[in-house]
């Protein structure tokens, strides 16, 4: 898993590349928590265009980050999900807490 992030115009942009599963979950949590801990931003956009696979562990990683950011009143949005990720987000209701944007 490779995670790229940058802040632009008060928005944190995060690109997830690779697979978000039980093997990459710990690394992903640490990297995202580190990225989210600093900087001046008031929203987060997570780009899934390069995410090849995500399982239930990956969902847990995203929900955990959502909860941490919710405490700081910082919304998280999802963009460019693959058809696989789209199905997971719709099925689990994740778009209700992390809306999809275009």
PDB file of N, CA and C in Angstrom:
ATOM      1  N   UNK A   1       0.843  -1.176   0.000  1.00  0.00           N
ATOM      2  CA  UNK A   1       0.000   0.000   0.000  1.00  0.00           C
ATOM      3  C   UNK A   1       0.889   1.240   0.000  1.00  0.00           C
ATOM      4  N   UNK A   2       0.602   2.142  -0.907  1.00  0.00           N
ATOM      5  CA  UNK A   2       1.277   3.429  -0.965  1.00  0.00           C
ATOM      6  C   UNK A   2       0.222   4.501  -0.731  1.00  0.00           C
ATOM      7  N   UNK A   3       0.552   5.444   0.141  1.00  0.00           N
ATOM      8  CA  UNK A   3      -0.382   6.517   0.490  1.00  0.00           C
ATOM      9  C   UNK A   3       0.287   7.845   0.168  1.00  0.00           C
ATOM     10  N   UNK A   4      -0.375   8.619  -0.671  1.00  0.00           N
ATOM     11  CA  UNK A   4       0.133   9.941  -1.022  1.00  0.00           C
ATOM     12  C   UNK A   4      -0.852  10.970  -0.490  1.00  0.00           C
ATOM     13  N   UNK A   5      -0.336  12.034   0.112  1.00  0.00           N
ATOM     14  CA  UNK A   5      -1.231  13.056   0.642  1.00  0.00           C
ATOM     15  C   UNK A   5      -0.637  14.437   0.449  1.00  0.00           C
ATOM     16  N   UNK A   6      -1.521  15.409   0.329  1.00  0.00           N
ATOM     17  CA  UNK A   6      -1.113  16.809   0.241  1.00  0.00           C
ATOM     18  C   UNK A   6      -2.281  17.676   0.679  1.00  0.00           C
ATOM     19  N   UNK A   7      -1.951  18.871   1.144  1.00  0.00           N
ATOM     20  CA  UNK A   7      -2.973  19.832   1.530  1.00  0.00           C
ATOM     21  C   UNK A   7      -2.963  20.956   0.501  1.00  0.00           C
ATOM     22  N   UNK A   8      -4.149  21.290   0.008  1.00  0.00           N
ATOM     23  CA  UNK A   8      -4.303  22.370  -0.949  1.00  0.00           C
ATOM     24  C   UNK A   8      -5.634  23.068  -0.683  1.00  0.00           C
ATOM     25  N   UNK A   9      -5.596  24.373  -0.524  1.00  0.00           N
ATOM     26  CA  UNK A   9      -6.815  25.164  -0.258  1.00  0.00           C
ATOM     27  C   UNK A   9      -7.642  24.599   0.898  1.00  0.00           C
ATOM     28  N   UNK A  10      -6.991  24.326   2.013  1.00  0.00           N
ATOM     29  CA  UNK A  10      -7.651  23.826   3.226  1.00  0.00           C
ATOM     30  C   UNK A  10      -8.296  22.450   3.070  1.00  0.00           C
ATOM     31  N   UNK A  11      -7.888  21.698   2.050  1.00  0.00           N
ATOM     32  CA  UNK A  11      -8.388  20.340   1.855  1.00  0.00           C
ATOM     33  C   UNK A  11      -7.210  19.382   1.844  1.00  0.00           C
ATOM     34  N   UNK A  12      -7.319  18.308   2.599  1.00  0.00           N
ATOM     35  CA  UNK A  12      -6.325  17.230   2.586  1.00  0.00           C
ATOM     36  C   UNK A  12      -6.766  16.233   1.518  1.00  0.00           C
ATOM     37  N   UNK A  13      -5.911  16.024   0.521  1.00  0.00           N
ATOM     38  CA  UNK A  13      -6.151  15.048  -0.536  1.00  0.00           C
ATOM     39  C   UNK A  13      -5.299  13.822  -0.252  1.00  0.00           C
ATOM     40  N   UNK A  14      -5.938  12.656  -0.266  1.00  0.00           N
ATOM     41  CA  UNK A  14      -5.235  11.404   0.012  1.00  0.00           C
ATOM     42  C   UNK A  14      -5.504  10.436  -1.139  1.00  0.00           C
ATOM     43  N   UNK A  15      -4.444   9.867  -1.681  1.00  0.00           N
ATOM     44  CA  UNK A  15      -4.559   8.867  -2.732  1.00  0.00           C
ATOM     45  C   UNK A  15      -4.084   7.533  -2.162  1.00  0.00           C
ATOM     46  N   UNK A  16      -4.962   6.538  -2.193  1.00  0.00           N
ATOM     47  CA  UNK A  16      -4.608   5.196  -1.727  1.00  0.00           C
ATOM     48  C   UNK A  16      -4.278   4.332  -2.935  1.00  0.00           C
ATOM     49  N   UNK A  17      -3.096   3.750  -2.940  1.00  0.00           N
ATOM     50  CA  UNK A  17      -2.627   2.940  -4.073  1.00  0.00           C
ATOM     51  C   UNK A  17      -2.307   1.530  -3.593  1.00  0.00           C
ATOM     52  N   UNK A  18      -2.902   0.546  -4.230  1.00  0.00           N
ATOM     53  CA  UNK A  18      -2.604  -0.837  -3.874  1.00  0.00           C
ATOM     54  C   UNK A  18      -3.791  -1.544  -3.264  1.00  0.00           C
ATOM     55  N   UNK A  19      -3.521  -2.337  -2.235  1.00  0.00           N
ATOM     56  CA  UNK A  19      -4.556  -3.139  -1.578  1.00  0.00           C
ATOM     57  C   UNK A  19      -4.695  -2.738  -0.117  1.00  0.00           C
ATOM     58  N   UNK A  20      -5.931  -2.536   0.296  1.00  0.00           N
ATOM     59  CA  UNK A  20      -6.220  -2.195   1.693  1.00  0.00           C
ATOM     60  C   UNK A  20      -6.888  -3.413   2.325  1.00  0.00           C
ATOM     61  N   UNK A  21      -6.068  -4.231   2.968  1.00  0.00           N
ATOM     62  CA  UNK A  21      -6.551  -5.477   3.564  1.00  0.00           C
ATOM     63  C   UNK A  21      -5.814  -5.725   4.873  1.00  0.00           C
ATOM     64  N   UNK A  22      -5.958  -6.921   5.422  1.00  0.00           N
ATOM     65  CA  UNK A  22      -5.357  -7.209   6.722  1.00  0.00           C
ATOM     66  C   UNK A  22      -3.836  -7.081   6.717  1.00  0.00           C
ATOM     67  N   UNK A  23      -3.200  -7.266   5.568  1.00  0.00           N
ATOM     68  CA  UNK A  23      -1.742  -7.174   5.486  1.00  0.00           C
ATOM     69  C   UNK A  23      -1.242  -5.733   5.493  1.00  0.00           C
ATOM     70  N   UNK A  24      -2.059  -4.813   5.004  1.00  0.00           N
ATOM     71  CA  UNK A  24      -1.628  -3.416   4.914  1.00  0.00           C
ATOM     72  C   UNK A  24      -2.337  -2.511   5.916  1.00  0.00           C
ATOM     73  N   UNK A  25      -3.261  -3.053   6.692  1.00  0.00           N
ATOM     74  CA  UNK A  25      -4.101  -2.228   7.578  1.00  0.00           C
ATOM     75  C   UNK A  25      -3.293  -1.433   8.603  1.00  0.00           C
ATOM     76  N   UNK A  26      -2.371  -2.069   9.280  1.00  0.00           N
ATOM     77  CA  UNK A  26      -1.605  -1.371  10.318  1.00  0.00           C
ATOM     78  C   UNK A  26      -0.792  -0.238   9.722  1.00  0.00           C
ATOM     79  N   UNK A  27      -0.090  -0.515   8.648  1.00  0.00           N
ATOM     80  CA  UNK A  27       0.698   0.511   7.956  1.00  0.00           C
ATOM     81  C   UNK A  27      -0.203   1.669   7.506  1.00  0.00           C
ATOM     82  N   UNK A  28      -1.362   1.334   6.948  1.00  0.00           N
ATOM     83  CA  UNK A  28      -2.288   2.359   6.451  1.00  0.00           C
ATOM     84  C   UNK A  28      -2.809   3.220   7.590  1.00  0.00           C
ATOM     85  N   UNK A  29      -3.182   2.600   8.703  1.00  0.00           N
ATOM     86  CA  UNK A  29      -3.651   3.356   9.873  1.00  0.00           C
ATOM     87  C   UNK A  29      -2.596   4.354  10.332  1.00  0.00           C
ATOM     88  N   UNK A  30      -1.363   3.877  10.470  1.00  0.00           N
ATOM     89  CA  UNK A  30      -0.277   4.726  10.953  1.00  0.00           C
ATOM     90  C   UNK A  30      -0.043   5.891   9.991  1.00  0.00           C
ATOM     91  N   UNK A  31       0.039   5.596   8.705  1.00  0.00           N
ATOM     92  CA  UNK A  31       0.290   6.642   7.705  1.00  0.00           C
ATOM     93  C   UNK A  31      -0.839   7.672   7.666  1.00  0.00           C
ATOM     94  N   UNK A  32      -2.085   7.202   7.687  1.00  0.00           N
ATOM     95  CA  UNK A  32      -3.209   8.143   7.650  1.00  0.00           C
ATOM     96  C   UNK A  32      -3.277   8.977   8.928  1.00  0.00           C
ATOM     97  N   UNK A  33      -3.087   8.341  10.077  1.00  0.00           N
ATOM     98  CA  UNK A  33      -3.115   9.083  11.339  1.00  0.00           C
ATOM     99  C   UNK A  33      -2.028  10.152  11.366  1.00  0.00           C
ATOM    100  N   UNK A  34      -0.866   9.800  10.838  1.00  0.00           N
ATOM    101  CA  UNK A  34       0.241  10.758  10.776  1.00  0.00           C
ATOM    102  C   UNK A  34      -0.117  11.934   9.857  1.00  0.00           C
ATOM    103  N   UNK A  35      -0.659  11.626   8.699  1.00  0.00           N
ATOM    104  CA  UNK A  35      -1.037  12.672   7.741  1.00  0.00           C
ATOM    105  C   UNK A  35      -2.134  13.571   8.308  1.00  0.00           C
ATOM    106  N   UNK A  36      -3.100  12.956   8.985  1.00  0.00           N
ATOM    107  CA  UNK A  36      -4.241  13.712   9.499  1.00  0.00           C
ATOM    108  C   UNK A  36      -3.903  14.510  10.757  1.00  0.00           C
ATOM    109  N   UNK A  37      -2.799  14.178  11.423  1.00  0.00           N
ATOM    110  CA  UNK A  37      -2.480  14.832  12.701  1.00  0.00           C
ATOM    111  C   UNK A  37      -1.989  16.266  12.538  1.00  0.00           C
ATOM    112  N   UNK A  38      -1.427  16.582  11.412  1.00  0.00           N
ATOM    113  CA  UNK A  38      -0.895  17.930  11.236  1.00  0.00           C
ATOM    114  C   UNK A  38      -1.581  18.648  10.104  1.00  0.00           C
ATOM    115  N   UNK A  39      -1.116  19.826   9.842  1.00  0.00           N
ATOM    116  CA  UNK A  39      -1.622  20.567   8.692  1.00  0.00           C
ATOM    117  C   UNK A  39      -2.867  21.378   8.972  1.00  0.00           C
ATOM    118  N   UNK A  40      -3.074  22.306   8.080  1.00  0.00           N
ATOM    119  CA  UNK A  40      -4.252  23.169   8.153  1.00  0.00           C
ATOM    120  C   UNK A  40      -5.248  22.742   7.092  1.00  0.00           C
ATOM    121  N   UNK A  41      -6.242  21.978   7.480  1.00  0.00           N
ATOM    122  CA  UNK A  41      -7.267  21.555   6.532  1.00  0.00           C
ATOM    123  C   UNK A  41      -8.587  21.413   7.268  1.00  0.00           C
ATOM    124  N   UNK A  42      -9.683  21.599   6.527  1.00  0.00           N
ATOM    125  CA  UNK A  42     -11.002  21.484   7.150  1.00  0.00           C
ATOM    126  C   UNK A  42     -11.866  20.405   6.502  1.00  0.00           C
ATOM    127  N   UNK A  43     -11.296  19.646   5.580  1.00  0.00           N
ATOM    128  CA  UNK A  43     -11.974  18.488   5.005  1.00  0.00           C
ATOM    129  C   UNK A  43     -10.932  17.564   4.389  1.00  0.00           C
ATOM    130  N   UNK A  44     -11.333  16.299   4.175  1.00  0.00           N
ATOM    131  CA  UNK A  44     -10.433  15.302   3.603  1.00  0.00           C
ATOM    132  C   UNK A  44     -11.137  14.645   2.425  1.00  0.00           C
ATOM    133  N   UNK A  45     -10.409  14.515   1.316  1.00  0.00           N
ATOM    134  CA  UNK A  45     -10.922  13.786   0.160  1.00  0.00           C
ATOM    135  C   UNK A  45      -9.998  12.598  -0.067  1.00  0.00           C
ATOM    136  N   UNK A  46     -10.580  11.397  -0.001  1.00  0.00           N
ATOM    137  CA  UNK A  46      -9.816  10.172  -0.218  1.00  0.00           C
ATOM    138  C   UNK A  46     -10.115   9.661  -1.621  1.00  0.00           C
ATOM    139  N   UNK A  47      -9.079   9.620  -2.441  1.00  0.00           N
ATOM    140  CA  UNK A  47      -9.185   9.175  -3.832  1.00  0.00           C
ATOM    141  C   UNK A  47      -8.870   7.681  -3.884  1.00  0.00           C
ATOM    142  N   UNK A  48      -9.827   6.905  -4.374  1.00  0.00           N
ATOM    143  CA  UNK A  48      -9.661   5.450  -4.442  1.00  0.00           C
ATOM    144  C   UNK A  48      -9.377   4.962  -5.857  1.00  0.00           C
ATOM    145  N   UNK A  49      -9.011   5.873  -6.768  1.00  0.00           N
ATOM    146  CA  UNK A  49      -8.823   5.492  -8.175  1.00  0.00           C
ATOM    147  C   UNK A  49      -7.714   4.458  -8.370  1.00  0.00           C
ATOM    148  N   UNK A  50      -6.761   4.405  -7.450  1.00  0.00           N
ATOM    149  CA  UNK A  50      -5.661   3.438  -7.574  1.00  0.00           C
ATOM    150  C   UNK A  50      -5.717   2.342  -6.512  1.00  0.00           C
ATOM    151  N   UNK A  51      -6.860   2.243  -5.837  1.00  0.00           N
ATOM    152  CA  UNK A  51      -7.052   1.167  -4.861  1.00  0.00           C
ATOM    153  C   UNK A  51      -7.511  -0.070  -5.624  1.00  0.00           C
ATOM    154  N   UNK A  52      -6.698  -1.124  -5.595  1.00  0.00           N
ATOM    155  CA  UNK A  52      -6.984  -2.325  -6.364  1.00  0.00           C
ATOM    156  C   UNK A  52      -7.913  -3.296  -5.632  1.00  0.00           C
ATOM    157  N   UNK A  53      -7.863  -3.271  -4.299  1.00  0.00           N
ATOM    158  CA  UNK A  53      -8.658  -4.226  -3.518  1.00  0.00           C
ATOM    159  C   UNK A  53      -8.864  -3.678  -2.116  1.00  0.00           C
ATOM    160  N   UNK A  54     -10.040  -3.958  -1.559  1.00  0.00           N
ATOM    161  CA  UNK A  54     -10.321  -3.598  -0.170  1.00  0.00           C
ATOM    162  C   UNK A  54     -11.238  -4.660   0.420  1.00  0.00           C
ATOM    163  N   UNK A  55     -10.903  -5.111   1.628  1.00  0.00           N
ATOM    164  CA  UNK A  55     -11.757  -6.080   2.312  1.00  0.00           C
ATOM    165  C   UNK A  55     -12.335  -5.443   3.575  1.00  0.00           C
ATOM    166  N   UNK A  56     -12.931  -6.249   4.428  1.00  0.00           N
ATOM    167  CA  UNK A  56     -13.578  -5.729   5.634  1.00  0.00           C
ATOM    168  C   UNK A  56     -12.583  -5.043   6.576  1.00  0.00           C
ATOM    169  N   UNK A  57     -11.334  -5.488   6.573  1.00  0.00           N
ATOM    170  CA  UNK A  57     -10.314  -4.832   7.396  1.00  0.00           C
ATOM    171  C   UNK A  57     -10.087  -3.410   6.895  1.00  0.00           C
ATOM    172  N   UNK A  58     -10.082  -3.241   5.596  1.00  0.00           N
ATOM    173  CA  UNK A  58      -9.933  -1.912   4.999  1.00  0.00           C
ATOM    174  C   UNK A  58     -11.087  -1.002   5.356  1.00  0.00           C
ATOM    175  N   UNK A  59     -12.282  -1.561   5.388  1.00  0.00           N
ATOM    176  CA  UNK A  59     -13.459  -0.781   5.794  1.00  0.00           C
ATOM    177  C   UNK A  59     -13.264  -0.293   7.224  1.00  0.00           C
ATOM    178  N   UNK A  60     -12.764  -1.181   8.082  1.00  0.00           N
ATOM    179  CA  UNK A  60     -12.511  -0.813   9.470  1.00  0.00           C
ATOM    180  C   UNK A  60     -11.497   0.310   9.596  1.00  0.00           C
ATOM    181  N   UNK A  61     -10.467   0.287   8.745  1.00  0.00           N
ATOM    182  CA  UNK A  61      -9.457   1.356   8.753  1.00  0.00           C
ATOM    183  C   UNK A  61     -10.119   2.686   8.425  1.00  0.00           C
ATOM    184  N   UNK A  62     -10.936   2.708   7.380  1.00  0.00           N
ATOM    185  CA  UNK A  62     -11.597   3.953   6.974  1.00  0.00           C
ATOM    186  C   UNK A  62     -12.587   4.442   8.033  1.00  0.00           C
ATOM    187  N   UNK A  63     -13.330   3.530   8.624  1.00  0.00           N
ATOM    188  CA  UNK A  63     -14.283   3.924   9.678  1.00  0.00           C
ATOM    189  C   UNK A  63     -13.537   4.487  10.881  1.00  0.00           C
ATOM    190  N   UNK A  64     -12.433   3.869  11.241  1.00  0.00           N
ATOM    191  CA  UNK A  64     -11.628   4.381  12.359  1.00  0.00           C
ATOM    192  C   UNK A  64     -11.133   5.794  12.112  1.00  0.00           C
ATOM    193  N   UNK A  65     -10.675   6.069  10.876  1.00  0.00           N
ATOM    194  CA  UNK A  65     -10.213   7.424  10.550  1.00  0.00           C
ATOM    195  C   UNK A  65     -11.385   8.398  10.542  1.00  0.00           C
ATOM    196  N   UNK A  66     -12.543   7.938  10.060  1.00  0.00           N
ATOM    197  CA  UNK A  66     -13.747   8.782  10.074  1.00  0.00           C
ATOM    198  C   UNK A  66     -14.082   9.198  11.503  1.00  0.00           C
ATOM    199  N   UNK A  67     -14.055   8.243  12.437  1.00  0.00           N
ATOM    200  CA  UNK A  67     -14.386   8.549  13.835  1.00  0.00           C
ATOM    201  C   UNK A  67     -13.416   9.567  14.429  1.00  0.00           C
ATOM    202  N   UNK A  68     -12.136   9.417  14.136  1.00  0.00           N
ATOM    203  CA  UNK A  68     -11.152  10.369  14.655  1.00  0.00           C
ATOM    204  C   UNK A  68     -11.382  11.767  14.085  1.00  0.00           C
ATOM    205  N   UNK A  69     -11.688  11.849  12.815  1.00  0.00           N
ATOM    206  CA  UNK A  69     -11.889  13.155  12.191  1.00  0.00           C
ATOM    207  C   UNK A  69     -13.239  13.761  12.581  1.00  0.00           C
ATOM    208  N   UNK A  70     -14.211  12.912  12.838  1.00  0.00           N
ATOM    209  CA  UNK A  70     -15.519  13.407  13.282  1.00  0.00           C
ATOM    210  C   UNK A  70     -15.372  14.151  14.604  1.00  0.00           C
ATOM    211  N   UNK A  71     -14.535  13.643  15.487  1.00  0.00           N
ATOM    212  CA  UNK A  71     -14.278  14.306  16.767  1.00  0.00           C
ATOM    213  C   UNK A  71     -13.673  15.695  16.568  1.00  0.00           C
ATOM    214  N   UNK A  72     -12.974  15.880  15.449  1.00  0.00           N
ATOM    215  CA  UNK A  72     -12.366  17.176  15.130  1.00  0.00           C
ATOM    216  C   UNK A  72     -13.248  18.008  14.192  1.00  0.00           C
ATOM    217  N   UNK A  73     -14.441  17.473  13.879  1.00  0.00           N
ATOM    218  CA  UNK A  73     -15.401  18.144  12.983  1.00  0.00           C
ATOM    219  C   UNK A  73     -14.830  18.337  11.584  1.00  0.00           C
ATOM    220  N   UNK A  74     -14.093  17.333  11.104  1.00  0.00           N
ATOM    221  CA  UNK A  74     -13.513  17.358   9.768  1.00  0.00           C
ATOM    222  C   UNK A  74     -14.151  16.229   8.954  1.00  0.00           C
ATOM    223  N   UNK A  75     -14.956  16.582   7.933  1.00  0.00           N
ATOM    224  CA  UNK A  75     -15.609  15.546   7.128  1.00  0.00           C
ATOM    225  C   UNK A  75     -14.635  14.861   6.176  1.00  0.00           C
ATOM    226  N   UNK A  76     -14.958  13.611   5.855  1.00  0.00           N
ATOM    227  CA  UNK A  76     -14.192  12.832   4.883  1.00  0.00           C
ATOM    228  C   UNK A  76     -15.109  12.517   3.711  1.00  0.00           C
ATOM    229  N   UNK A  77     -14.589  12.729   2.503  1.00  0.00           N
ATOM    230  CA  UNK A  77     -15.313  12.431   1.270  1.00  0.00           C
ATOM    231  C   UNK A  77     -14.522  11.402   0.470  1.00  0.00           C
ATOM    232  N   UNK A  78     -15.235  10.630  -0.332  1.00  0.00           N
ATOM    233  CA  UNK A  78     -14.633   9.591  -1.159  1.00  0.00           C
ATOM    234  C   UNK A  78     -14.806   9.979  -2.625  1.00  0.00           C
ATOM    235  N   UNK A  79     -13.752   9.769  -3.424  1.00  0.00           N
ATOM    236  CA  UNK A  79     -13.898   9.990  -4.863  1.00  0.00           C
ATOM    237  C   UNK A  79     -13.212   8.865  -5.635  1.00  0.00           C
ATOM    238  N   UNK A  80     -13.669   8.669  -6.852  1.00  0.00           N
ATOM    239  CA  UNK A  80     -13.098   7.715  -7.811  1.00  0.00           C
ATOM    240  C   UNK A  80     -13.019   6.274  -7.318  1.00  0.00           C
ATOM    241  N   UNK A  81     -14.093   5.754  -6.699  1.00  0.00           N
ATOM    242  CA  UNK A  81     -14.014   4.349  -6.270  1.00  0.00           C
ATOM    243  C   UNK A  81     -14.104   3.404  -7.471  1.00  0.00           C
ATOM    244  N   UNK A  82     -13.410   2.287  -7.379  1.00  0.00           N
ATOM    245  CA  UNK A  82     -13.546   1.246  -8.398  1.00  0.00           C
ATOM    246  C   UNK A  82     -14.939   0.638  -8.275  1.00  0.00           C
ATOM    247  N   UNK A  83     -15.320  -0.163  -9.234  1.00  0.00           N
ATOM    248  CA  UNK A  83     -16.637  -0.802  -9.145  1.00  0.00           C
ATOM    249  C   UNK A  83     -16.714  -1.706  -7.914  1.00  0.00           C
ATOM    250  N   UNK A  84     -15.598  -2.349  -7.572  1.00  0.00           N
ATOM    251  CA  UNK A  84     -15.546  -3.200  -6.373  1.00  0.00           C
ATOM    252  C   UNK A  84     -15.754  -2.365  -5.107  1.00  0.00           C
ATOM    253  N   UNK A  85     -15.019  -1.260  -4.993  1.00  0.00           N
ATOM    254  CA  UNK A  85     -15.155  -0.387  -3.820  1.00  0.00           C
ATOM    255  C   UNK A  85     -16.545   0.240  -3.778  1.00  0.00           C
ATOM    256  N   UNK A  86     -17.064   0.606  -4.921  1.00  0.00           N
ATOM    257  CA  UNK A  86     -18.410   1.196  -5.002  1.00  0.00           C
ATOM    258  C   UNK A  86     -19.448   0.245  -4.396  1.00  0.00           C
ATOM    259  N   UNK A  87     -19.368  -1.022  -4.750  1.00  0.00           N
ATOM    260  CA  UNK A  87     -20.302  -2.022  -4.220  1.00  0.00           C
ATOM    261  C   UNK A  87     -20.183  -2.114  -2.701  1.00  0.00           C
ATOM    262  N   UNK A  88     -18.953  -2.150  -2.205  1.00  0.00           N
ATOM    263  CA  UNK A  88     -18.727  -2.255  -0.762  1.00  0.00           C
ATOM    264  C   UNK A  88     -19.304  -1.038  -0.044  1.00  0.00           C
ATOM    265  N   UNK A  89     -19.032   0.157  -0.565  1.00  0.00           N
ATOM    266  CA  UNK A  89     -19.510   1.380   0.080  1.00  0.00           C
ATOM    267  C   UNK A  89     -21.032   1.450   0.078  1.00  0.00           C
ATOM    268  N   UNK A  90     -21.656   1.047  -1.013  1.00  0.00           N
ATOM    269  CA  UNK A  90     -23.122   1.065  -1.079  1.00  0.00           C
ATOM    270  C   UNK A  90     -23.722   0.015  -0.154  1.00  0.00           C
ATOM    271  N   UNK A  91     -23.160  -1.187  -0.192  1.00  0.00           N
ATOM    272  CA  UNK A  91     -23.677  -2.308   0.595  1.00  0.00           C
ATOM    273  C   UNK A  91     -23.581  -2.046   2.104  1.00  0.00           C
ATOM    274  N   UNK A  92     -22.487  -1.441   2.524  1.00  0.00           N
ATOM    275  CA  UNK A  92     -22.263  -1.226   3.949  1.00  0.00           C
ATOM    276  C   UNK A  92     -22.835   0.101   4.460  1.00  0.00           C
ATOM    277  N   UNK A  93     -23.270   0.958   3.539  1.00  0.00           N
ATOM    278  CA  UNK A  93     -23.794   2.256   3.952  1.00  0.00           C
ATOM    279  C   UNK A  93     -22.713   3.279   4.282  1.00  0.00           C
ATOM    280  N   UNK A  94     -21.476   3.022   3.864  1.00  0.00           N
ATOM    281  CA  UNK A  94     -20.380   3.947   4.175  1.00  0.00           C
ATOM    282  C   UNK A  94     -20.568   5.321   3.534  1.00  0.00           C
ATOM    283  N   UNK A  95     -21.278   5.368   2.410  1.00  0.00           N
ATOM    284  CA  UNK A  95     -21.498   6.672   1.778  1.00  0.00           C
ATOM    285  C   UNK A  95     -22.365   7.593   2.642  1.00  0.00           C
ATOM    286  N   UNK A  96     -23.071   7.026   3.603  1.00  0.00           N
ATOM    287  CA  UNK A  96     -23.874   7.860   4.505  1.00  0.00           C
ATOM    288  C   UNK A  96     -22.995   8.653   5.465  1.00  0.00           C
ATOM    289  N   UNK A  97     -21.822   8.134   5.781  1.00  0.00           N
ATOM    290  CA  UNK A  97     -20.926   8.863   6.704  1.00  0.00           C
ATOM    291  C   UNK A  97     -19.743   9.497   5.978  1.00  0.00           C
ATOM    292  N   UNK A  98     -19.360   8.899   4.837  1.00  0.00           N
ATOM    293  CA  UNK A  98     -18.287   9.453   4.001  1.00  0.00           C
ATOM    294  C   UNK A  98     -18.834   9.569   2.576  1.00  0.00           C
ATOM    295  N   UNK A  99     -19.498  10.686   2.270  1.00  0.00           N
ATOM    296  CA  UNK A  99     -20.163  10.813   0.976  1.00  0.00           C
ATOM    297  C   UNK A  99     -19.216  10.733  -0.221  1.00  0.00           C
ATOM    298  N   UNK A 100     -19.757  10.242  -1.306  1.00  0.00           N
ATOM    299  CA  UNK A 100     -19.010  10.187  -2.569  1.00  0.00           C
ATOM    300  C   UNK A 100     -19.157  11.543  -3.258  1.00  0.00           C
ATOM    301  N   UNK A 101     -18.033  12.050  -3.757  1.00  0.00           N
ATOM    302  CA  UNK A 101     -18.075  13.290  -4.536  1.00  0.00           C
ATOM    303  C   UNK A 101     -17.473  13.015  -5.914  1.00  0.00           C
ATOM    304  N   UNK A 102     -17.820  13.877  -6.837  1.00  0.00           N
ATOM    305  CA  UNK A 102     -17.316  13.700  -8.214  1.00  0.00           C
ATOM    306  C   UNK A 102     -16.161  14.644  -8.453  1.00  0.00           C
TER     307      UNK A 102
END
